[in-house]
C-alpha atoms as a PDB file:
ATOM      1  CA  MET A   1    -105.735-103.214 115.540  1.00  0.00           C
ATOM      2  CA  MET A   2    -103.755-105.071 113.712  1.00  0.00           C
ATOM      3  CA  ARG A   3    -104.613-105.448 110.198  1.00  0.00           C
ATOM      4  CA  ASN A   4    -102.634-108.563 108.168  1.00  0.00           C
ATOM      5  CA  GLU A   5    -101.900-106.689 104.843  1.00  0.00           C
ATOM      6  CA  GLY A   6    -101.259-109.879 103.185  1.00  0.00           C
ATOM      7  CA  SER A   7    -103.698-111.842 103.693  1.00  0.00           C
ATOM      8  CA  PRO A   8    -107.334-111.949 101.801  1.00  0.00           C
ATOM      9  CA  SER A   9    -110.410-110.380 102.360  1.00  0.00           C
ATOM     10  CA  LEU A  10    -113.623-113.237 103.146  1.00  0.00           C
ATOM     11  CA  ALA A  11    -115.144-111.337 100.233  1.00  0.00           C
ATOM     12  CA  ALA A  12    -111.764-112.132  97.912  1.00  0.00           C
ATOM     13  CA  ARG A  13    -112.150-115.369  99.170  1.00  0.00           C
ATOM     14  CA  SER A  14    -115.290-116.398  98.155  1.00  0.00           C
ATOM     15  CA  ARG A  15    -115.221-113.960  95.280  1.00  0.00           C
ATOM     16  CA  GLY A  16    -112.678-116.578  94.388  1.00  0.00           C
ATOM     17  CA  TRP A  17    -114.238-119.848  95.346  1.00  0.00           C
ATOM     18  CA  PHE A  18    -117.055-119.297  93.604  1.00  0.00           C
ATOM     19  CA  LEU A  19    -115.289-118.786  90.224  1.00  0.00           C
ATOM     20  CA  ARG A  20    -113.765-121.175  90.449  1.00  0.00           C
ATOM     21  CA  ALA A  21    -116.850-123.324  90.985  1.00  0.00           C
ATOM     22  CA  LEU A  22    -118.609-121.712  88.139  1.00  0.00           C
ATOM     23  CA  ILE A  23    -115.221-123.096  85.718  1.00  0.00           C
ATOM     24  CA  LEU A  24    -115.446-126.656  86.991  1.00  0.00           C
ATOM     25  CA  THR A  25    -118.904-126.375  86.125  1.00  0.00           C
ATOM     26  CA  VAL A  26    -118.919-125.744  82.565  1.00  0.00           C
ATOM     27  CA  LEU A  27    -116.230-127.376  81.759  1.00  0.00           C
ATOM     28  CA  LEU A  28    -118.268-130.312  83.341  1.00  0.00           C
ATOM     29  CA  ALA A  29    -120.880-129.406  81.222  1.00  0.00           C
ATOM     30  CA  VAL A  30    -119.109-129.220  78.074  1.00  0.00           C
ATOM     31  CA  GLY A  31    -117.422-132.418  78.717  1.00  0.00           C
ATOM     32  CA  ALA A  32    -120.741-134.314  79.623  1.00  0.00           C
ATOM     33  CA  LEU A  33    -122.256-133.025  75.712  1.00  0.00           C
ATOM     34  CA  ALA A  34    -119.214-133.764  74.438  1.00  0.00           C
ATOM     35  CA  LEU A  35    -119.433-137.140  75.815  1.00  0.00           C
ATOM     36  CA  TRP A  36    -122.747-138.223  74.933  1.00  0.00           C
ATOM     37  CA  THR A  37    -121.969-136.800  71.331  1.00  0.00           C
ATOM     38  CA  TRP A  38    -119.069-139.015  70.922  1.00  0.00           C
ATOM     39  CA  PHE A  39    -121.750-141.753  72.587  1.00  0.00           C
ATOM     40  CA  THR A  40    -124.634-140.611  69.934  1.00  0.00           C
ATOM     41  CA  LEU A  41    -122.622-140.939  66.762  1.00  0.00           C
ATOM     42  CA  SER A  42    -120.479-144.139  68.000  1.00  0.00           C
ATOM     43  CA  TRP A  43    -123.481-146.338  69.041  1.00  0.00           C
ATOM     44  CA  SER A  44    -125.896-146.924  66.362  1.00  0.00           C
ATOM     45  CA  TYR A  45    -129.506-147.025  67.598  1.00  0.00           C
ATOM     46  CA  SER A  46    -130.264-149.921  63.988  1.00  0.00           C
ATOM     47  CA  ASP A  47    -129.527-150.484  61.037  1.00  0.00           C
ATOM     48  CA  GLY A  48    -130.548-151.622  57.595  1.00  0.00           C
ATOM     49  CA  GLU A  49    -130.961-151.363  54.020  1.00  0.00           C
ATOM     50  CA  ARG A  50    -132.998-149.167  51.917  1.00  0.00           C
ATOM     51  CA  ALA A  51    -133.899-149.274  48.324  1.00  0.00           C
ATOM     52  CA  GLY A  52    -135.401-146.901  46.122  1.00  0.00           C
ATOM     53  CA  VAL A  53    -135.003-144.620  43.406  1.00  0.00           C
ATOM     54  CA  LEU A  54    -132.772-141.754  44.562  1.00  0.00           C
ATOM     55  CA  GLN A  55    -134.720-138.630  43.673  1.00  0.00           C
ATOM     56  CA  LYS A  56    -132.473-135.620  45.876  1.00  0.00           C
ATOM     57  CA  PHE A  57    -129.051-135.099  46.710  1.00  0.00           C
ATOM     58  CA  SER A  58    -127.061-132.211  47.893  1.00  0.00           C
ATOM     59  CA  ARG A  59    -124.511-130.723  50.611  1.00  0.00           C
ATOM     60  CA  LYS A  60    -126.410-127.895  52.653  1.00  0.00           C
ATOM     61  CA  GLY A  61    -125.446-125.877  55.488  1.00  0.00           C
ATOM     62  CA  TRP A  62    -125.359-122.857  56.968  1.00  0.00           C
ATOM     63  CA  ILE A  63    -121.762-123.020  58.878  1.00  0.00           C
ATOM     64  CA  CYS A  64    -121.798-126.811  58.808  1.00  0.00           C
ATOM     65  CA  LYS A  65    -122.078-128.331  55.845  1.00  0.00           C
ATOM     66  CA  THR A  66    -123.736-131.642  55.310  1.00  0.00           C
ATOM     67  CA  HIS A  67    -124.858-134.175  52.419  1.00  0.00           C
ATOM     68  CA  GLU A  68    -128.438-134.708  52.614  1.00  0.00           C
ATOM     69  CA  GLY A  69    -130.720-137.121  50.141  1.00  0.00           C
ATOM     70  CA  GLU A  70    -134.193-138.463  49.487  1.00  0.00           C
ATOM     71  CA  VAL A  71    -135.088-141.662  48.097  1.00  0.00           C
ATOM     72  CA  ALA A  72    -138.617-142.766  46.242  1.00  0.00           C
ATOM     73  CA  GLN A  73    -139.911-145.885  47.531  1.00  0.00           C
ATOM     74  CA  TYR A  74    -142.022-147.135  45.910  1.00  0.00           C
ATOM     75  CA  VAL A  75    -144.420-150.236  47.435  1.00  0.00           C
ATOM     76  CA  VAL A  76    -147.177-150.428  44.656  1.00  0.00           C
ATOM     77  CA  ALA A  77    -147.542-149.530  41.027  1.00  0.00           C
ATOM     78  CA  GLY A  78    -149.332-146.692  40.517  1.00  0.00           C
ATOM     79  CA  VAL A  79    -149.303-145.318  44.099  1.00  0.00           C
ATOM     80  CA  SER A  80    -147.414-142.532  45.444  1.00  0.00           C
ATOM     81  CA  PRO A  81    -144.041-143.168  46.819  1.00  0.00           C
ATOM     82  CA  GLN A  82    -142.793-142.761  50.379  1.00  0.00           C
ATOM     83  CA  ILE A  83    -139.752-140.333  50.902  1.00  0.00           C
ATOM     84  CA  TRP A  84    -137.031-141.358  53.358  1.00  0.00           C
ATOM     85  CA  GLN A  85    -134.722-138.712  53.793  1.00  0.00           C
ATOM     86  CA  PHE A  86    -130.926-139.714  54.852  1.00  0.00           C
ATOM     87  CA  SER A  87    -127.713-137.873  55.956  1.00  0.00           C
ATOM     88  CA  VAL A  88    -124.105-139.036  54.917  1.00  0.00           C
ATOM     89  CA  ARG A  89    -120.937-138.385  56.246  1.00  0.00           C
ATOM     90  CA  ASN A  90    -118.158-140.099  54.450  1.00  0.00           C
ATOM     91  CA  ASP A  91    -117.173-137.907  51.679  1.00  0.00           C
ATOM     92  CA  ALA A  92    -116.180-140.734  49.135  1.00  0.00           C
ATOM     93  CA  VAL A  93    -120.363-142.427  49.960  1.00  0.00           C
ATOM     94  CA  ALA A  94    -121.505-139.005  48.836  1.00  0.00           C
ATOM     95  CA  ALA A  95    -119.313-139.047  46.164  1.00  0.00           C
ATOM     96  CA  GLN A  96    -121.102-141.964  44.465  1.00  0.00           C
ATOM     97  CA  LEU A  97    -124.300-141.093  45.157  1.00  0.00           C
ATOM     98  CA  ASP A  98    -124.405-138.060  43.453  1.00  0.00           C
ATOM     99  CA  LYS A  99    -123.555-139.735  40.440  1.00  0.00           C
ATOM    100  CA  GLU A 100    -126.321-142.072  40.805  1.00  0.00           C
ATOM    101  CA  VAL A 101    -129.309-139.084  41.289  1.00  0.00           C
ATOM    102  CA  GLY A 102    -132.179-140.113  39.290  1.00  0.00           C
ATOM    103  CA  HIS A 103    -131.209-143.994  39.709  1.00  0.00           C
ATOM    104  CA  ARG A 104    -132.564-147.145  41.549  1.00  0.00           C
ATOM    105  CA  VAL A 105    -129.825-147.560  44.433  1.00  0.00           C
ATOM    106  CA  GLN A 106    -130.003-150.082  47.435  1.00  0.00           C
ATOM    107  CA  LEU A 107    -128.795-147.615  50.710  1.00  0.00           C
ATOM    108  CA  HIS A 108    -127.207-149.180  54.045  1.00  0.00           C
ATOM    109  CA  TYR A 109    -127.887-146.936  57.116  1.00  0.00           C
ATOM    110  CA  THR A 110    -127.155-146.665  60.601  1.00  0.00           C
ATOM    111  CA  GLU A 111    -130.171-144.932  62.654  1.00  0.00           C
ATOM    112  CA  HIS A 112    -128.282-142.682  65.584  1.00  0.00           C
ATOM    113  CA  ARG A 113    -130.818-141.287  67.610  1.00  0.00           C
ATOM    114  CA  GLY A 114    -129.851-138.392  70.224  1.00  0.00           C
ATOM    115  CA  VAL A 115    -127.169-136.973  68.161  1.00  0.00           C
ATOM    116  CA  PRO A 116    -127.239-133.354  70.251  1.00  0.00           C
ATOM    117  CA  SER A 117    -126.800-131.028  66.974  1.00  0.00           C
ATOM    118  CA  SER A 118    -127.755-130.270  63.662  1.00  0.00           C
ATOM    119  CA  CYS A 119    -124.560-129.916  62.507  1.00  0.00           C
ATOM    120  CA  PHE A 120    -123.379-133.553  61.911  1.00  0.00           C
ATOM    121  CA  ALA A 121    -126.283-134.262  60.260  1.00  0.00           C
ATOM    122  CA  GLU A 122    -130.477-133.537  59.625  1.00  0.00           C
ATOM    123  CA  THR A 123    -131.615-136.905  59.973  1.00  0.00           C
ATOM    124  CA  SER A 124    -131.002-139.949  62.113  1.00  0.00           C
ATOM    125  CA  TYR A 125    -129.895-141.798  59.371  1.00  0.00           C
ATOM    126  CA  PHE A 126    -126.209-141.512  57.994  1.00  0.00           C
ATOM    127  CA  VAL A 127    -126.031-144.359  54.954  1.00  0.00           C
ATOM    128  CA  ASP A 128    -122.762-145.803  54.703  1.00  0.00           C
ATOM    129  CA  LYS A 129    -122.725-147.883  51.411  1.00  0.00           C
ATOM    130  CA  ILE A 130    -124.144-147.919  48.075  1.00  0.00           C
ATOM    131  CA  THR A 131    -125.265-151.121  46.043  1.00  0.00           C
ATOM    132  CA  GLU A 132    -126.505-149.492  42.299  1.00  0.00           C
ATOM    133  CA  GLU A 133    -129.386-151.976  41.821  1.00  0.00           C
ATOM    134  CA  PRO A 134    -129.422-154.105  38.415  1.00  0.00           C
ATOM    135  CA  ASP A 135    -132.483-152.130  37.005  1.00  0.00           C
ATOM    136  CA  ALA A 136    -130.620-149.212  37.547  1.00  0.00           C
ATOM    137  CA  GLY A 137    -131.348-146.421  34.975  1.00  0.00           C
ATOM    138  CA  GLN A 138    -134.782-147.327  34.517  1.00  0.00           C
ATOM    139  CA  SER A 139    -137.430-145.446  35.382  1.00  0.00           C
ATOM    140  CA  PRO A 140    -139.921-146.006  38.675  1.00  0.00           C
ATOM    141  CA  PRO A 141    -142.915-148.784  37.638  1.00  0.00           C
ATOM    142  CA  ALA A 142    -145.573-146.664  36.171  1.00  0.00           C
ATOM    143  CA  ALA A 143    -149.195-147.096  36.913  1.00  0.00           C
ATOM    144  CA  PRO A 144    -150.784-150.512  35.114  1.00  0.00           C
ATOM    145  CA  ALA A 145    -153.083-149.541  32.323  1.00  0.00           C
ATOM    146  CA  ALA A 146    -156.450-148.986  33.265  1.00  0.00           C
ATOM    147  CA  PRO A 147    -158.330-152.359  31.820  1.00  0.00           C
ATOM    148  CA  ALA A 148    -160.397-152.209  28.552  1.00  0.00           C
ATOM    149  CA  VAL A 149    -164.388-152.030  29.217  1.00  0.00           C
ATOM    150  CA  SER A 150    -166.339-154.173  26.913  1.00  0.00           C
ATOM    151  CA  ARG A 151    -169.397-152.586  25.523  1.00  0.00           C
ATOM    152  CA  PRO A 152    -172.255-154.113  23.554  1.00  0.00           C
ATOM    153  CA  ALA A 153    -172.333-153.210  19.757  1.00  0.00           C
ATOM    154  CA  ALA A 154    -174.935-150.626  19.242  1.00  0.00           C
ATOM    155  CA  PRO A 155    -177.517-151.649  16.976  1.00  0.00           C
ATOM    156  CA  ALA A 156    -177.488-150.986  13.303  1.00  0.00           C
ATOM    157  CA  MET A 157    -179.606-148.229  12.324  1.00  0.00           C
ATOM    158  CA  ALA A 158    -181.985-148.497   9.534  1.00  0.00           C
ATOM    159  CA  ALA A 159    -180.905-145.934   6.493  1.00  0.00           C
ATOM    160  CA  PRO A 160    -183.629-143.523   5.754  1.00  0.00           C
ATOM    161  CA  PRO A 161    -185.592-144.553   2.831  1.00  0.00           C
ATOM    162  CA  GLU A 162    -184.271-141.772   0.473  1.00  0.00           C
ATOM    163  CA  ALA A 163    -180.326-143.188   0.747  1.00  0.00           C
ATOM    164  CA  ALA A 164    -181.457-146.728   0.604  1.00  0.00           C
ATOM    165  CA  THR A 165    -182.294-146.039  -3.383  1.00  0.00           C
ATOM    166  CA  PRO A 166    -179.515-147.208  -5.645  1.00  0.00           C
ATOM    167  CA  PRO A 167    -177.262-144.443  -7.938  1.00  0.00           C
ATOM    168  CA  SER A 168    -178.412-145.982 -11.246  1.00  0.00           C
ATOM    169  CA  ALA A 169    -182.305-145.292  -9.579  1.00  0.00           C
ATOM    170  CA  ALA A 170    -181.288-141.566  -9.191  1.00  0.00           C
ATOM    171  CA  LYS A 171    -183.058-139.228 -10.613  1.00  0.00           C
ATOM    172  CA  PRO A 172    -181.139-136.648 -12.501  1.00  0.00           C
ATOM    173  CA  ALA A 173    -181.193-133.015 -11.309  1.00  0.00           C
ATOM    174  CA  GLY A 174    -183.857-130.832 -12.383  1.00  0.00           C
ATOM    175  CA  ALA A 175    -185.491-133.556 -13.272  1.00  0.00           C
ATOM    176  CA  PRO A 176    -189.032-133.978 -12.800  1.00  0.00           C
ATOM    177  CA  PRO A 177    -190.567-135.571 -10.005  1.00  0.00           C
END
């Protein structure tokens, strides 16, 4: 029985096929994830405007640093505001927002649903434009003052008889009664 030393054994050939299939599967998964990430970041689900008082704006994250903020939206004076959280990807917009903390602003945003990682942002709302509102710098609407309650005047009380005597008729101290 002659053995051909140049040809690989069946086990070696199947191991090579398995390794190639594994590498191809991993590359396809990474490619699909990259394509999905690109799609979710470039296509927006919705866009719009939100206005309110910029309460908080910070840059945070362990590895991926993102700009995150909160806007307090006051619907009715005296009622606690609705807090809207957002993210910023543009450094120029982030620098603008950093100067507006505590002021009333109007923000344009796009919503990107399904982004596979929080490395891009913690929220699905990405602010891309800021407009300072004309009444910037003013505090949020204050609670309305309580209405004045009208009460009927209390009737005048009669003075005790000794207090009603005129001072000229008062007797000096130590005088007999």
